[in-house]
C-alpha atoms as a PDB file:
ATOM      1  CA  ASP A   1      39.693   5.040  49.788  1.00  0.00           C
ATOM      2  CA  TRP A   2      41.318   6.742  52.802  1.00  0.00           C
ATOM      3  CA  ARG A   3      43.182   5.593  55.874  1.00  0.00           C
ATOM      4  CA  ALA A   4      43.594   6.940  59.384  1.00  0.00           C
ATOM      5  CA  GLU A   5      45.997   5.272  61.800  1.00  0.00           C
ATOM      6  CA  ALA A   6      46.755   5.740  65.506  1.00  0.00           C
ATOM      7  CA  ARG A   7      49.416   4.187  67.758  1.00  0.00           C
ATOM      8  CA  LEU A   8      50.056   4.229  71.481  1.00  0.00           C
ATOM      9  CA  SER A   9      53.073   2.540  73.047  1.00  0.00           C
ATOM     10  CA  SER A  10      53.911   1.835  76.679  1.00  0.00           C
ATOM     11  CA  GLY A  11      56.596  -0.154  78.434  1.00  0.00           C
ATOM     12  CA  TRP A  12      57.908  -1.363  81.787  1.00  0.00           C
ATOM     13  CA  TYR A  13      61.595  -1.912  82.602  1.00  0.00           C
ATOM     14  CA  THR A  14      63.300  -3.404  85.644  1.00  0.00           C
ATOM     15  CA  ARG A  15      66.447  -1.877  87.095  1.00  0.00           C
ATOM     16  CA  ALA A  16      69.658  -3.054  85.444  1.00  0.00           C
ATOM     17  CA  ASN A  17      71.510  -5.784  87.340  1.00  0.00           C
ATOM     18  CA  GLU A  18      75.257  -5.768  88.044  1.00  0.00           C
ATOM     19  CA  HIS A  19      75.930  -7.178  84.547  1.00  0.00           C
ATOM     20  CA  ASN A  20      73.960  -4.386  82.781  1.00  0.00           C
ATOM     21  CA  TRP A  21      70.946  -6.573  81.895  1.00  0.00           C
ATOM     22  CA  ARG A  22      67.322  -5.731  82.543  1.00  0.00           C
ATOM     23  CA  VAL A  23      63.933  -7.231  81.694  1.00  0.00           C
ATOM     24  CA  PHE A  24      61.250  -5.277  79.883  1.00  0.00           C
ATOM     25  CA  ALA A  25      57.641  -5.645  78.788  1.00  0.00           C
ATOM     26  CA  ARG A  26      56.198  -3.576  75.986  1.00  0.00           C
ATOM     27  CA  GLN A  27      52.683  -3.006  74.669  1.00  0.00           C
ATOM     28  CA  LEU A  28      51.828  -1.366  71.345  1.00  0.00           C
ATOM     29  CA  TRP A  29      48.232  -0.528  70.454  1.00  0.00           C
ATOM     30  CA  SER A  30      47.708   0.121  66.768  1.00  0.00           C
ATOM     31  CA  SER A  31      44.439   0.731  64.972  1.00  0.00           C
ATOM     32  CA  ALA A  32      43.317   2.025  61.606  1.00  0.00           C
ATOM     33  CA  ASP A  33      40.134   2.975  59.796  1.00  0.00           C
ATOM     34  CA  ILE A  34      40.260   2.017  56.129  1.00  0.00           C
ATOM     35  CA  GLY A  35      37.235   2.991  54.112  1.00  0.00           C
ATOM     36  CA  GLY A  36      34.892   2.664  57.100  1.00  0.00           C
ATOM     37  CA  THR A  37      36.383  -0.623  58.347  1.00  0.00           C
ATOM     38  CA  SER A  38      37.988  -0.466  61.789  1.00  0.00           C
ATOM     39  CA  LEU A  39      41.117  -2.617  62.252  1.00  0.00           C
ATOM     40  CA  ASP A  40      43.162  -3.355  65.403  1.00  0.00           C
ATOM     41  CA  ALA A  41      46.544  -5.030  65.903  1.00  0.00           C
ATOM     42  CA  PRO A  42      47.779  -4.869  69.521  1.00  0.00           C
ATOM     43  CA  ARG A  43      51.286  -6.269  70.087  1.00  0.00           C
ATOM     44  CA  THR A  44      52.717  -7.472  73.413  1.00  0.00           C
ATOM     45  CA  GLY A  45      56.417  -8.153  73.928  1.00  0.00           C
ATOM     46  CA  LEU A  46      58.715  -9.462  76.654  1.00  0.00           C
ATOM     47  CA  GLY A  47      62.466  -9.152  76.397  1.00  0.00           C
ATOM     48  CA  LEU A  48      65.967  -8.480  77.685  1.00  0.00           C
ATOM     49  CA  GLN A  49      67.972  -5.294  77.272  1.00  0.00           C
ATOM     50  CA  TRP A  50      71.734  -4.920  77.729  1.00  0.00           C
ATOM     51  CA  ARG A  51      73.733  -1.684  77.941  1.00  0.00           C
ATOM     52  CA  SER A  52      77.420  -1.212  78.578  1.00  0.00           C
ATOM     53  CA  GLY A  53      79.445   1.865  77.752  1.00  0.00           C
ATOM     54  CA  ARG A  54      78.704   2.911  74.183  1.00  0.00           C
ATOM     55  CA  PHE A  55      76.917  -0.340  73.210  1.00  0.00           C
ATOM     56  CA  ASP A  56      73.385  -1.667  73.724  1.00  0.00           C
ATOM     57  CA  GLY A  57      71.217  -4.532  72.533  1.00  0.00           C
ATOM     58  CA  GLU A  58      67.712  -5.913  72.877  1.00  0.00           C
ATOM     59  CA  ALA A  59      65.982  -9.228  72.262  1.00  0.00           C
ATOM     60  CA  GLU A  60      62.184  -9.377  72.423  1.00  0.00           C
ATOM     61  CA  LEU A  61      59.672 -12.183  71.954  1.00  0.00           C
ATOM     62  CA  HIS A  62      56.360 -10.688  70.865  1.00  0.00           C
ATOM     63  CA  HIS A  63      52.809 -11.598  69.950  1.00  0.00           C
ATOM     64  CA  THR A  64      50.409  -9.625  67.757  1.00  0.00           C
ATOM     65  CA  ARG A  65      46.658 -10.192  67.976  1.00  0.00           C
ATOM     66  CA  ASP A  66      45.287  -9.134  64.606  1.00  0.00           C
ATOM     67  CA  ASP A  67      41.640  -8.078  64.682  1.00  0.00           C
ATOM     68  CA  VAL A  68      41.262  -7.363  60.983  1.00  0.00           C
ATOM     69  CA  GLY A  69      38.109  -9.354  60.266  1.00  0.00           C
ATOM     70  CA  PRO A  70      37.904 -12.626  58.346  1.00  0.00           C
ATOM     71  CA  VAL A  71      41.019 -13.472  56.331  1.00  0.00           C
ATOM     72  CA  ALA A  72      41.836 -16.345  53.992  1.00  0.00           C
ATOM     73  CA  SER A  73      44.719 -17.451  56.212  1.00  0.00           C
ATOM     74  CA  PRO A  74      45.572 -15.832  59.551  1.00  0.00           C
ATOM     75  CA  PRO A  75      48.838 -13.860  59.637  1.00  0.00           C
ATOM     76  CA  ARG A  76      51.831 -14.973  61.675  1.00  0.00           C
ATOM     77  CA  THR A  77      51.210 -13.825  65.259  1.00  0.00           C
ATOM     78  CA  GLY A  78      54.499 -14.502  67.096  1.00  0.00           C
ATOM     79  CA  GLY A  79      57.966 -13.182  66.441  1.00  0.00           C
ATOM     80  CA  LEU A  80      61.437 -12.253  67.612  1.00  0.00           C
ATOM     81  CA  ALA A  81      62.890  -8.737  67.424  1.00  0.00           C
ATOM     82  CA  LEU A  82      66.642  -8.130  67.815  1.00  0.00           C
ATOM     83  CA  SER A  83      68.431  -4.778  67.852  1.00  0.00           C
ATOM     84  CA  ALA A  84      71.926  -3.457  68.495  1.00  0.00           C
ATOM     85  CA  GLY A  85      73.223   0.066  68.854  1.00  0.00           C
ATOM     86  CA  TRP A  86      76.438   1.999  69.157  1.00  0.00           C
ATOM     87  CA  ARG A  87      76.800   5.498  70.593  1.00  0.00           C
ATOM     88  CA  ALA A  88      79.606   6.840  68.391  1.00  0.00           C
ATOM     89  CA  THR A  89      79.732  10.230  70.172  1.00  0.00           C
ATOM     90  CA  ASP A  90      77.567  12.145  72.632  1.00  0.00           C
ATOM     91  CA  HIS A  91      75.321  13.111  69.706  1.00  0.00           C
ATOM     92  CA  TRP A  92      75.573  10.374  67.038  1.00  0.00           C
ATOM     93  CA  ARG A  93      73.993   6.889  67.285  1.00  0.00           C
ATOM     94  CA  LEU A  94      74.154   3.946  64.842  1.00  0.00           C
ATOM     95  CA  SER A  95      71.751   1.002  64.987  1.00  0.00           C
ATOM     96  CA  ALA A  96      70.701  -2.237  63.304  1.00  0.00           C
ATOM     97  CA  ALA A  97      67.525  -4.267  63.824  1.00  0.00           C
ATOM     98  CA  LEU A  98      65.808  -7.489  62.712  1.00  0.00           C
ATOM     99  CA  ASP A  99      62.176  -8.469  63.283  1.00  0.00           C
ATOM    100  CA  THR A 100      60.700 -11.818  62.233  1.00  0.00           C
ATOM    101  CA  ASN A 101      57.119 -10.479  62.444  1.00  0.00           C
ATOM    102  CA  ASN A 102      57.185  -6.765  61.702  1.00  0.00           C
ATOM    103  CA  HIS A 103      54.279  -4.724  63.027  1.00  0.00           C
ATOM    104  CA  ASP A 104      54.616  -2.084  60.291  1.00  0.00           C
ATOM    105  CA  ILE A 105      53.203  -4.077  57.387  1.00  0.00           C
ATOM    106  CA  PRO A 106      50.542  -2.346  55.284  1.00  0.00           C
ATOM    107  CA  TRP A 107      47.018  -2.651  56.706  1.00  0.00           C
ATOM    108  CA  ARG A 108      45.633  -4.073  53.429  1.00  0.00           C
ATOM    109  CA  ALA A 109      48.315  -6.797  53.572  1.00  0.00           C
ATOM    110  CA  ARG A 110      47.372  -7.473  57.201  1.00  0.00           C
ATOM    111  CA  GLN A 111      43.727  -7.849  56.121  1.00  0.00           C
ATOM    112  CA  ALA A 112      44.823 -10.391  53.486  1.00  0.00           C
ATOM    113  CA  GLY A 113      46.667 -12.512  56.088  1.00  0.00           C
ATOM    114  CA  VAL A 114      50.164 -11.404  55.017  1.00  0.00           C
ATOM    115  CA  ALA A 115      53.055 -11.178  57.521  1.00  0.00           C
ATOM    116  CA  GLY A 116      56.453  -9.523  57.112  1.00  0.00           C
ATOM    117  CA  ARG A 117      60.101  -9.824  58.165  1.00  0.00           C
ATOM    118  CA  ASP A 118      62.210  -6.675  58.418  1.00  0.00           C
ATOM    119  CA  ALA A 119      65.890  -5.686  58.599  1.00  0.00           C
ATOM    120  CA  SER A 120      66.994  -2.075  59.073  1.00  0.00           C
ATOM    121  CA  LEU A 121      69.970   0.224  59.609  1.00  0.00           C
ATOM    122  CA  GLY A 122      69.672   3.605  61.265  1.00  0.00           C
ATOM    123  CA  VAL A 123      71.544   6.728  62.258  1.00  0.00           C
ATOM    124  CA  GLY A 124      70.393   9.149  64.936  1.00  0.00           C
ATOM    125  CA  TYR A 125      71.404  12.606  66.061  1.00  0.00           C
ATOM    126  CA  VAL A 126      70.649  13.410  69.707  1.00  0.00           C
ATOM    127  CA  VAL A 127      70.327  17.180  70.078  1.00  0.00           C
ATOM    128  CA  ASN A 128      69.803  16.954  73.857  1.00  0.00           C
ATOM    129  CA  GLU A 129      68.044  14.603  76.291  1.00  0.00           C
ATOM    130  CA  SER A 130      64.642  15.824  75.022  1.00  0.00           C
ATOM    131  CA  ARG A 131      65.137  15.981  71.249  1.00  0.00           C
ATOM    132  CA  ARG A 132      66.332  13.415  68.713  1.00  0.00           C
ATOM    133  CA  LEU A 133      66.384  13.132  64.892  1.00  0.00           C
ATOM    134  CA  ASP A 134      66.586   9.722  63.177  1.00  0.00           C
ATOM    135  CA  ALA A 135      67.044   8.357  59.648  1.00  0.00           C
ATOM    136  CA  ARG A 136      66.499   4.704  58.758  1.00  0.00           C
ATOM    137  CA  ILE A 137      66.659   2.420  55.721  1.00  0.00           C
ATOM    138  CA  ALA A 138      64.892  -0.934  55.752  1.00  0.00           C
ATOM    139  CA  ARG A 139      64.079  -4.008  53.711  1.00  0.00           C
ATOM    140  CA  MET A 140      60.850  -5.887  54.391  1.00  0.00           C
ATOM    141  CA  SER A 141      60.043  -9.346  52.980  1.00  0.00           C
ATOM    142  CA  LEU A 142      56.323 -10.094  52.964  1.00  0.00           C
ATOM    143  CA  SER A 143      54.927 -13.633  53.155  1.00  0.00           C
ATOM    144  CA  ASP A 144      53.084 -13.165  49.823  1.00  0.00           C
ATOM    145  CA  GLY A 145      56.441 -12.917  48.000  1.00  0.00           C
ATOM    146  CA  ASN A 146      56.652  -9.128  47.789  1.00  0.00           C
ATOM    147  CA  ASP A 147      59.699  -7.251  49.057  1.00  0.00           C
ATOM    148  CA  ARG A 148      59.776  -3.583  50.001  1.00  0.00           C
ATOM    149  CA  ASN A 149      62.698  -1.215  50.430  1.00  0.00           C
ATOM    150  CA  GLY A 150      62.013   1.852  52.505  1.00  0.00           C
ATOM    151  CA  ALA A 151      63.443   4.893  54.207  1.00  0.00           C
ATOM    152  CA  SER A 152      62.197   7.075  57.038  1.00  0.00           C
ATOM    153  CA  LEU A 153      62.965  10.292  58.870  1.00  0.00           C
ATOM    154  CA  ALA A 154      61.725  10.966  62.399  1.00  0.00           C
ATOM    155  CA  TRP A 155      61.775  13.751  64.977  1.00  0.00           C
ATOM    156  CA  ARG A 156      61.214  12.729  68.617  1.00  0.00           C
ATOM    157  CA  GLU A 157      60.476  15.344  71.239  1.00  0.00           C
ATOM    158  CA  ARG A 158      60.031  14.741  74.971  1.00  0.00           C
ATOM    159  CA  TRP A 159      57.637  17.314  76.386  1.00  0.00           C
ATOM    160  CA  LEU A 160      57.223  16.258  80.022  1.00  0.00           C
ATOM    161  CA  SER A 161      59.254  14.065  82.373  1.00  0.00           C
ATOM    162  CA  GLY A 162      58.595  12.685  85.809  1.00  0.00           C
ATOM    163  CA  PRO A 163      60.595  10.322  88.019  1.00  0.00           C
ATOM    164  CA  ARG A 164      58.648   7.319  86.649  1.00  0.00           C
ATOM    165  CA  TRP A 165      57.061   8.551  83.396  1.00  0.00           C
ATOM    166  CA  GLN A 166      57.658  10.575  80.244  1.00  0.00           C
ATOM    167  CA  LEU A 167      55.423  12.130  77.615  1.00  0.00           C
ATOM    168  CA  SER A 168      56.954  12.330  74.163  1.00  0.00           C
ATOM    169  CA  THR A 169      55.782  12.553  70.558  1.00  0.00           C
ATOM    170  CA  THR A 170      57.299  11.345  67.309  1.00  0.00           C
ATOM    171  CA  LEU A 171      56.690  12.895  63.913  1.00  0.00           C
ATOM    172  CA  ALA A 172      57.840  10.622  61.096  1.00  0.00           C
ATOM    173  CA  ALA A 173      57.770  10.418  57.310  1.00  0.00           C
ATOM    174  CA  ASP A 174      58.229   7.084  55.531  1.00  0.00           C
ATOM    175  CA  THR A 175      58.585   6.005  51.933  1.00  0.00           C
ATOM    176  CA  ALA A 176      58.631   2.553  50.378  1.00  0.00           C
END
């Protein structure tokens, strides 16, 4: 049994107001092929972002439409994601996040109608405005009673930038 997965993410942000708040909308398209079965799970979110000095935070309400075929009980589709960050220096970043309906659950669990909650802590090193390295630890609680602890490393590289767009890639390794 093999798995191939692809993700594409896009977003839209307003300008920050005088109190450092702005509205955003985010779309994540995720699909996988597991043993010849094609699965899709697009997620749409709407939220608020705040930034001031060395601190930032986000709150997002989101909805995932799981197209994973017939399941015994449909997975949870709505959720709330919260995150907070601190820029310790020009290069080092610390973060924490909670998600009541994590999008990163295993595809087999998604097929079985399982949903997951997630809490994570992260540290990032910003080399320059185009390159960033991140490490993260997380705990996920699945609705079938299983819990997973995990860690990840990621390298993000921005290749092209325009006044209204950017093209970047992320290479990541995860373990659970």
